[in-house]
Structure formats: C-alpha cells, structure tokens
PDB file of N, CA and C in Angstrom:
ATOM      1  N   LEU A   1      12.836 -22.718   0.217  1.00  0.00           N
ATOM      2  CA  LEU A   1      11.977 -22.972  -0.924  1.00  0.00           C
ATOM      3  C   LEU A   1      10.525 -23.118  -0.478  1.00  0.00           C
ATOM      4  N   LEU A   2      10.305 -23.935   0.577  1.00  0.00           N
ATOM      5  CA  LEU A   2       8.947 -24.152   1.069  1.00  0.00           C
ATOM      6  C   LEU A   2       8.308 -22.848   1.528  1.00  0.00           C
ATOM      7  N   VAL A   3       9.072 -22.027   2.241  1.00  0.00           N
ATOM      8  CA  VAL A   3       8.549 -20.746   2.698  1.00  0.00           C
ATOM      9  C   VAL A   3       8.183 -19.878   1.508  1.00  0.00           C
ATOM     10  N   GLY A   4       9.025 -19.906   0.486  1.00  0.00           N
ATOM     11  CA  GLY A   4       8.727 -19.125  -0.711  1.00  0.00           C
ATOM     12  C   GLY A   4       7.470 -19.588  -1.409  1.00  0.00           C
ATOM     13  N   VAL A   5       7.247 -20.897  -1.454  1.00  0.00           N
ATOM     14  CA  VAL A   5       6.041 -21.442  -2.089  1.00  0.00           C
ATOM     15  C   VAL A   5       4.803 -21.022  -1.304  1.00  0.00           C
ATOM     16  N   PHE A   6       4.818 -21.242   0.021  1.00  0.00           N
ATOM     17  CA  PHE A   6       3.669 -20.825   0.830  1.00  0.00           C
ATOM     18  C   PHE A   6       3.490 -19.316   0.782  1.00  0.00           C
ATOM     19  N   GLY A   7       4.592 -18.600   0.780  1.00  0.00           N
ATOM     20  CA  GLY A   7       4.500 -17.151   0.687  1.00  0.00           C
ATOM     21  C   GLY A   7       3.839 -16.708  -0.597  1.00  0.00           C
ATOM     22  N   ALA A   8       4.213 -17.349  -1.696  1.00  0.00           N
ATOM     23  CA  ALA A   8       3.623 -17.004  -2.986  1.00  0.00           C
ATOM     24  C   ALA A   8       2.147 -17.344  -3.028  1.00  0.00           C
ATOM     25  N   ILE A   9       1.781 -18.472  -2.441  1.00  0.00           N
ATOM     26  CA  ILE A   9       0.376 -18.901  -2.469  1.00  0.00           C
ATOM     27  C   ILE A   9      -0.475 -18.070  -1.520  1.00  0.00           C
ATOM     28  N   PHE A  10       0.006 -17.885  -0.290  1.00  0.00           N
ATOM     29  CA  PHE A  10      -0.812 -17.256   0.740  1.00  0.00           C
ATOM     30  C   PHE A  10      -0.405 -15.829   1.078  1.00  0.00           C
ATOM     31  N   GLY A  11       0.624 -15.305   0.444  1.00  0.00           N
ATOM     32  CA  GLY A  11       1.065 -13.956   0.748  1.00  0.00           C
ATOM     33  C   GLY A  11       1.682 -13.846   2.133  1.00  0.00           C
ATOM     34  N   LEU A  12       2.252 -14.926   2.635  1.00  0.00           N
ATOM     35  CA  LEU A  12       2.795 -14.946   3.988  1.00  0.00           C
ATOM     36  C   LEU A  12       4.294 -14.715   3.950  1.00  0.00           C
ATOM     37  N   GLN A  13       4.668 -13.479   3.785  1.00  0.00           N
ATOM     38  CA  GLN A  13       6.077 -13.119   3.737  1.00  0.00           C
ATOM     39  C   GLN A  13       6.417 -12.252   4.946  1.00  0.00           C
ATOM     40  N   PRO A  14       7.581 -12.470   5.546  1.00  0.00           N
ATOM     41  CA  PRO A  14       7.994 -11.563   6.614  1.00  0.00           C
ATOM     42  C   PRO A  14       8.100 -10.140   6.079  1.00  0.00           C
ATOM     43  N   ASP A  15       7.778  -9.190   6.910  1.00  0.00           N
ATOM     44  CA  ASP A  15       7.894  -7.784   6.588  1.00  0.00           C
ATOM     45  C   ASP A  15       9.365  -7.471   6.296  1.00  0.00           C
ATOM     46  N   PRO A  16       9.670  -6.771   5.187  1.00  0.00           N
ATOM     47  CA  PRO A  16      11.075  -6.515   4.874  1.00  0.00           C
ATOM     48  C   PRO A  16      11.783  -5.664   5.930  1.00  0.00           C
ATOM     49  N   THR A  17      11.052  -4.930   6.739  1.00  0.00           N
ATOM     50  CA  THR A  17      11.677  -4.101   7.769  1.00  0.00           C
ATOM     51  C   THR A  17      11.858  -4.860   9.071  1.00  0.00           C
ATOM     52  N   GLY A  18      11.401  -6.082   9.152  1.00  0.00           N
ATOM     53  CA  GLY A  18      11.526  -6.854  10.376  1.00  0.00           C
ATOM     54  C   GLY A  18      10.885  -8.209  10.205  1.00  0.00           C
ATOM     55  N   TYR A  19      10.729  -8.894  11.294  1.00  0.00           N
ATOM     56  CA  TYR A  19      10.180 -10.243  11.257  1.00  0.00           C
ATOM     57  C   TYR A  19       8.733 -10.183  11.712  1.00  0.00           C
ATOM     58  N   GLY A  20       7.882  -9.578  10.913  1.00  0.00           N
ATOM     59  CA  GLY A  20       6.483  -9.437  11.278  1.00  0.00           C
ATOM     60  C   GLY A  20       5.575  -9.870  10.145  1.00  0.00           C
ATOM     61  N   PRO A  21       4.280  -9.983  10.428  1.00  0.00           N
ATOM     62  CA  PRO A  21       3.332 -10.430   9.403  1.00  0.00           C
ATOM     63  C   PRO A  21       3.058  -9.349   8.368  1.00  0.00           C
ATOM     64  N   SER A  22       2.867  -9.777   7.142  1.00  0.00           N
ATOM     65  CA  SER A  22       2.508  -8.849   6.077  1.00  0.00           C
ATOM     66  C   SER A  22       1.066  -8.388   6.279  1.00  0.00           C
ATOM     67  N   ALA A  23       0.690  -7.361   5.553  1.00  0.00           N
ATOM     68  CA  ALA A  23      -0.695  -6.878   5.617  1.00  0.00           C
ATOM     69  C   ALA A  23      -1.655  -7.968   5.158  1.00  0.00           C
ATOM     70  N   MET A  24      -1.259  -8.737   4.158  1.00  0.00           N
ATOM     71  CA  MET A  24      -2.121  -9.817   3.671  1.00  0.00           C
ATOM     72  C   MET A  24      -2.291 -10.903   4.728  1.00  0.00           C
ATOM     73  N   ALA A  25      -1.209 -11.244   5.419  1.00  0.00           N
ATOM     74  CA  ALA A  25      -1.293 -12.249   6.486  1.00  0.00           C
ATOM     75  C   ALA A  25      -2.195 -11.750   7.598  1.00  0.00           C
ATOM     76  N   ARG A  26      -2.057 -10.485   7.977  1.00  0.00           N
ATOM     77  CA  ARG A  26      -2.909  -9.930   9.043  1.00  0.00           C
ATOM     78  C   ARG A  26      -4.382  -9.944   8.644  1.00  0.00           C
ATOM     79  N   ALA A  27      -4.657  -9.786   7.351  1.00  0.00           N
ATOM     80  CA  ALA A  27      -6.041  -9.802   6.881  1.00  0.00           C
ATOM     81  C   ALA A  27      -6.585 -11.224   6.773  1.00  0.00           C
ATOM     82  N   GLU A  28      -5.733 -12.191   6.412  1.00  0.00           N
ATOM     83  CA  GLU A  28      -6.174 -13.569   6.167  1.00  0.00           C
ATOM     84  C   GLU A  28      -6.235 -14.415   7.430  1.00  0.00           C
ATOM     85  N   ILE A  29      -5.290 -14.234   8.332  1.00  0.00           N
ATOM     86  CA  ILE A  29      -5.161 -15.105   9.498  1.00  0.00           C
ATOM     87  C   ILE A  29      -5.845 -14.457  10.696  1.00  0.00           C
ATOM     88  N   PRO A  30      -6.761 -15.181  11.358  1.00  0.00           N
ATOM     89  CA  PRO A  30      -7.385 -14.620  12.564  1.00  0.00           C
ATOM     90  C   PRO A  30      -6.304 -14.212  13.574  1.00  0.00           C
ATOM     91  N   ALA A  31      -6.546 -13.110  14.277  1.00  0.00           N
ATOM     92  CA  ALA A  31      -5.552 -12.547  15.187  1.00  0.00           C
ATOM     93  C   ALA A  31      -5.039 -13.574  16.200  1.00  0.00           C
ATOM     94  N   LEU A  32      -5.920 -14.396  16.755  1.00  0.00           N
ATOM     95  CA  LEU A  32      -5.495 -15.407  17.724  1.00  0.00           C
ATOM     96  C   LEU A  32      -4.510 -16.382  17.091  1.00  0.00           C
ATOM     97  N   TYR A  33      -4.808 -16.851  15.890  1.00  0.00           N
ATOM     98  CA  TYR A  33      -3.930 -17.805  15.218  1.00  0.00           C
ATOM     99  C   TYR A  33      -2.612 -17.156  14.819  1.00  0.00           C
ATOM    100  N   LEU A  34      -2.656 -15.905  14.380  1.00  0.00           N
ATOM    101  CA  LEU A  34      -1.431 -15.204  14.038  1.00  0.00           C
ATOM    102  C   LEU A  34      -0.509 -15.119  15.254  1.00  0.00           C
ATOM    103  N   ARG A  35      -1.069 -14.776  16.417  1.00  0.00           N
ATOM    104  CA  ARG A  35      -0.267 -14.736  17.655  1.00  0.00           C
ATOM    105  C   ARG A  35       0.271 -16.117  18.002  1.00  0.00           C
ATOM    106  N   LEU A  36      -0.563 -17.158  17.853  1.00  0.00           N
ATOM    107  CA  LEU A  36      -0.102 -18.519  18.144  1.00  0.00           C
ATOM    108  C   LEU A  36       1.059 -18.916  17.232  1.00  0.00           C
ATOM    109  N   TYR A  37       0.950 -18.643  15.932  1.00  0.00           N
ATOM    110  CA  TYR A  37       2.025 -18.971  14.998  1.00  0.00           C
ATOM    111  C   TYR A  37       3.308 -18.215  15.355  1.00  0.00           C
ATOM    112  N   MET A  38       3.175 -16.930  15.638  1.00  0.00           N
ATOM    113  CA  MET A  38       4.350 -16.120  15.967  1.00  0.00           C
ATOM    114  C   MET A  38       4.997 -16.603  17.268  1.00  0.00           C
ATOM    115  N   ASN A  39       4.183 -16.838  18.279  1.00  0.00           N
ATOM    116  CA  ASN A  39       4.723 -17.292  19.575  1.00  0.00           C
ATOM    117  C   ASN A  39       5.356 -18.673  19.477  1.00  0.00           C
ATOM    118  N   ALA A  40       4.692 -19.597  18.785  1.00  0.00           N
ATOM    119  CA  ALA A  40       5.241 -20.951  18.634  1.00  0.00           C
ATOM    120  C   ALA A  40       6.528 -20.915  17.820  1.00  0.00           C
ATOM    121  N   GLY A  41       6.555 -20.106  16.783  1.00  0.00           N
ATOM    122  CA  GLY A  41       7.760 -19.980  15.979  1.00  0.00           C
ATOM    123  C   GLY A  41       8.931 -19.471  16.802  1.00  0.00           C
ATOM    124  N   ARG A  42       8.685 -18.453  17.598  1.00  0.00           N
ATOM    125  CA  ARG A  42       9.733 -17.890  18.454  1.00  0.00           C
ATOM    126  C   ARG A  42      10.170 -18.911  19.512  1.00  0.00           C
ATOM    127  N   ARG A  43       9.205 -19.564  20.139  1.00  0.00           N
ATOM    128  CA  ARG A  43       9.505 -20.507  21.224  1.00  0.00           C
ATOM    129  C   ARG A  43      10.294 -21.725  20.745  1.00  0.00           C
ATOM    130  N   TYR A  44       9.905 -22.270  19.583  1.00  0.00           N
ATOM    131  CA  TYR A  44      10.502 -23.510  19.106  1.00  0.00           C
ATOM    132  C   TYR A  44      11.505 -23.323  17.976  1.00  0.00           C
ATOM    133  N   GLY A  45      11.782 -22.082  17.603  1.00  0.00           N
ATOM    134  CA  GLY A  45      12.754 -21.824  16.554  1.00  0.00           C
ATOM    135  C   GLY A  45      12.310 -22.271  15.180  1.00  0.00           C
ATOM    136  N   ILE A  46      11.006 -22.162  14.922  1.00  0.00           N
ATOM    137  CA  ILE A  46      10.421 -22.550  13.629  1.00  0.00           C
ATOM    138  C   ILE A  46       9.911 -21.283  12.956  1.00  0.00           C
ATOM    139  N   ASP A  47      10.112 -21.184  11.669  1.00  0.00           N
ATOM    140  CA  ASP A  47       9.600 -20.032  10.935  1.00  0.00           C
ATOM    141  C   ASP A  47       8.073 -20.000  11.081  1.00  0.00           C
ATOM    142  N   PRO A  48       7.497 -18.921  11.610  1.00  0.00           N
ATOM    143  CA  PRO A  48       6.044 -18.875  11.808  1.00  0.00           C
ATOM    144  C   PRO A  48       5.254 -18.984  10.512  1.00  0.00           C
ATOM    145  N   TRP A  49       5.887 -18.652   9.375  1.00  0.00           N
ATOM    146  CA  TRP A  49       5.165 -18.733   8.107  1.00  0.00           C
ATOM    147  C   TRP A  49       5.016 -20.177   7.657  1.00  0.00           C
ATOM    148  N   ILE A  50       5.927 -21.034   8.084  1.00  0.00           N
ATOM    149  CA  ILE A  50       5.742 -22.470   7.833  1.00  0.00           C
ATOM    150  C   ILE A  50       4.551 -22.963   8.643  1.00  0.00           C
ATOM    151  N   LEU A  51       4.491 -22.550   9.901  1.00  0.00           N
ATOM    152  CA  LEU A  51       3.345 -22.936  10.744  1.00  0.00           C
ATOM    153  C   LEU A  51       2.044 -22.393  10.163  1.00  0.00           C
ATOM    154  N   ALA A  52       2.065 -21.156   9.701  1.00  0.00           N
ATOM    155  CA  ALA A  52       0.864 -20.560   9.112  1.00  0.00           C
ATOM    156  C   ALA A  52       0.468 -21.293   7.831  1.00  0.00           C
ATOM    157  N   GLY A  53       1.446 -21.703   7.036  1.00  0.00           N
ATOM    158  CA  GLY A  53       1.140 -22.462   5.822  1.00  0.00           C
ATOM    159  C   GLY A  53       0.492 -23.791   6.148  1.00  0.00           C
ATOM    160  N   ILE A  54       1.018 -24.473   7.147  1.00  0.00           N
ATOM    161  CA  ILE A  54       0.426 -25.741   7.579  1.00  0.00           C
ATOM    162  C   ILE A  54      -0.978 -25.491   8.124  1.00  0.00           C
ATOM    163  N   GLY A  55      -1.132 -24.458   8.952  1.00  0.00           N
ATOM    164  CA  GLY A  55      -2.447 -24.130   9.514  1.00  0.00           C
ATOM    165  C   GLY A  55      -3.464 -23.784   8.447  1.00  0.00           C
ATOM    166  N   ALA A  56      -3.008 -23.130   7.383  1.00  0.00           N
ATOM    167  CA  ALA A  56      -3.922 -22.775   6.291  1.00  0.00           C
ATOM    168  C   ALA A  56      -4.401 -24.019   5.561  1.00  0.00           C
ATOM    169  N   VAL A  57      -3.466 -24.910   5.259  1.00  0.00           N
ATOM    170  CA  VAL A  57      -3.812 -26.116   4.506  1.00  0.00           C
ATOM    171  C   VAL A  57      -4.644 -27.082   5.341  1.00  0.00           C
ATOM    172  N   GLU A  58      -4.230 -27.285   6.587  1.00  0.00           N
ATOM    173  CA  GLU A  58      -4.871 -28.306   7.427  1.00  0.00           C
ATOM    174  C   GLU A  58      -6.226 -27.874   8.003  1.00  0.00           C
ATOM    175  N   THR A  59      -6.356 -26.609   8.426  1.00  0.00           N
ATOM    176  CA  THR A  59      -7.578 -26.214   9.135  1.00  0.00           C
ATOM    177  C   THR A  59      -8.161 -24.867   8.707  1.00  0.00           C
ATOM    178  N   ASP A  60      -7.586 -24.247   7.674  1.00  0.00           N
ATOM    179  CA  ASP A  60      -7.981 -22.889   7.292  1.00  0.00           C
ATOM    180  C   ASP A  60      -7.905 -21.975   8.518  1.00  0.00           C
ATOM    181  N   HIS A  61      -6.820 -22.103   9.255  1.00  0.00           N
ATOM    182  CA  HIS A  61      -6.570 -21.316  10.473  1.00  0.00           C
ATOM    183  C   HIS A  61      -7.714 -21.473  11.480  1.00  0.00           C
ATOM    184  N   GLY A  62      -8.155 -22.712  11.653  1.00  0.00           N
ATOM    185  CA  GLY A  62      -9.185 -23.012  12.645  1.00  0.00           C
ATOM    186  C   GLY A  62     -10.606 -22.803  12.179  1.00  0.00           C
ATOM    187  N   ARG A  63     -10.795 -22.458  10.922  1.00  0.00           N
ATOM    188  CA  ARG A  63     -12.149 -22.184  10.421  1.00  0.00           C
ATOM    189  C   ARG A  63     -12.784 -23.367   9.715  1.00  0.00           C
ATOM    190  N   SER A  64     -12.052 -24.444   9.521  1.00  0.00           N
ATOM    191  CA  SER A  64     -12.575 -25.604   8.806  1.00  0.00           C
ATOM    192  C   SER A  64     -13.669 -26.291   9.628  1.00  0.00           C
ATOM    193  N   PRO A  65     -14.730 -26.745   8.977  1.00  0.00           N
ATOM    194  CA  PRO A  65     -15.775 -27.474   9.690  1.00  0.00           C
ATOM    195  C   PRO A  65     -15.447 -28.966   9.869  1.00  0.00           C
ATOM    196  N   ALA A  66     -14.253 -29.396   9.456  1.00  0.00           N
ATOM    197  CA  ALA A  66     -13.875 -30.808   9.558  1.00  0.00           C
ATOM    198  C   ALA A  66     -13.875 -31.274  11.011  1.00  0.00           C
ATOM    199  N   PRO A  67     -14.203 -32.534  11.242  1.00  0.00           N
ATOM    200  CA  PRO A  67     -14.206 -33.060  12.613  1.00  0.00           C
ATOM    201  C   PRO A  67     -12.842 -32.874  13.287  1.00  0.00           C
ATOM    202  N   GLY A  68     -12.872 -32.441  14.517  1.00  0.00           N
ATOM    203  CA  GLY A  68     -11.655 -32.293  15.298  1.00  0.00           C
ATOM    204  C   GLY A  68     -11.022 -30.920  15.242  1.00  0.00           C
ATOM    205  N   VAL A  69     -11.365 -30.113  14.252  1.00  0.00           N
ATOM    206  CA  VAL A  69     -10.734 -28.795  14.141  1.00  0.00           C
ATOM    207  C   VAL A  69     -11.151 -27.901  15.290  1.00  0.00           C
ATOM    208  N   ARG A  70     -12.426 -27.828  15.574  1.00  0.00           N
ATOM    209  CA  ARG A  70     -12.897 -26.937  16.627  1.00  0.00           C
ATOM    210  C   ARG A  70     -12.819 -27.601  18.004  1.00  0.00           C
ATOM    211  N   SER A  71     -13.011 -28.896  18.075  1.00  0.00           N
ATOM    212  CA  SER A  71     -13.028 -29.566  19.375  1.00  0.00           C
ATOM    213  C   SER A  71     -11.626 -29.865  19.885  1.00  0.00           C
ATOM    214  N   GLY A  72     -10.652 -29.886  18.971  1.00  0.00           N
ATOM    215  CA  GLY A  72      -9.289 -30.231  19.358  1.00  0.00           C
ATOM    216  C   GLY A  72      -9.046 -31.718  19.426  1.00  0.00           C
ATOM    217  N   VAL A  73     -10.049 -32.498  19.026  1.00  0.00           N
ATOM    218  CA  VAL A  73      -9.921 -33.966  19.055  1.00  0.00           C
ATOM    219  C   VAL A  73     -10.069 -34.462  17.632  1.00  0.00           C
ATOM    220  N   ASN A  74      -9.087 -35.190  17.150  1.00  0.00           N
ATOM    221  CA  ASN A  74      -9.172 -35.727  15.791  1.00  0.00           C
ATOM    222  C   ASN A  74     -10.070 -36.943  15.776  1.00  0.00           C
ATOM    223  N   MET A  75     -10.975 -36.938  14.861  1.00  0.00           N
ATOM    224  CA  MET A  75     -11.938 -38.037  14.736  1.00  0.00           C
ATOM    225  C   MET A  75     -11.665 -38.778  13.430  1.00  0.00           C
ATOM    226  N   PRO A  76     -11.746 -40.103  13.430  1.00  0.00           N
ATOM    227  CA  PRO A  76     -11.579 -40.836  12.172  1.00  0.00           C
ATOM    228  C   PRO A  76     -12.776 -40.564  11.264  1.00  0.00           C
ATOM    229  N   PRO A  77     -12.567 -40.597   9.957  1.00  0.00           N
ATOM    230  CA  PRO A  77     -13.695 -40.378   9.052  1.00  0.00           C
ATOM    231  C   PRO A  77     -14.742 -41.468   9.187  1.00  0.00           C
ATOM    232  N   THR A  78     -15.977 -41.092   9.043  1.00  0.00           N
ATOM    233  CA  THR A  78     -17.062 -42.077   9.098  1.00  0.00           C
ATOM    234  C   THR A  78     -17.360 -42.546   7.680  1.00  0.00           C
ATOM    235  N   SER A  79     -17.800 -43.779   7.554  1.00  0.00           N
ATOM    236  CA  SER A  79     -18.091 -44.319   6.217  1.00  0.00           C
ATOM    237  C   SER A  79     -19.547 -44.216   5.881  1.00  0.00           C
TER     238      SER A  79
END
C-alpha cells in the first residue's frame, strides 16, 4: 500500500519489464541518489521505491536547503 501511495504521488513505480526505475523516477531523482536507493535496496532487502519516497519527503533527494542535508550532520532547529 505504501509503495502504491508513493508511486502514485512521485511516479516511482518499478518498470513492468523488470525491477528498474521508471522514466519519471530517472527524471526526478538525481542519478547519484537513484544509484544509492537501488544499491541500498538490493543490499538490505528494502524496496528502493520506499527509500526514494522517504528521500523525496525528507530531503528532496539531497536538494533541500535544510540544515544537515548537505553536510550530513543533523542540526537542531534554532529559535
């Protein structure tokens, strides 16, 4: 269900001919992040589209200007 929801929102559906990224995913997700999602999914047995959905929401696939996204260090919000 979760994969279907993220797929519907972000167009992140496995290719019907195999387990690969859709054309929309290839256009939306930076190539480095797409490889990271695919490799992590394969390595840890997690659907890469779940990882991509989380990456989209949390960091816009590494493009978010929020503190910690680019540096790799999470910073508490400042008041």
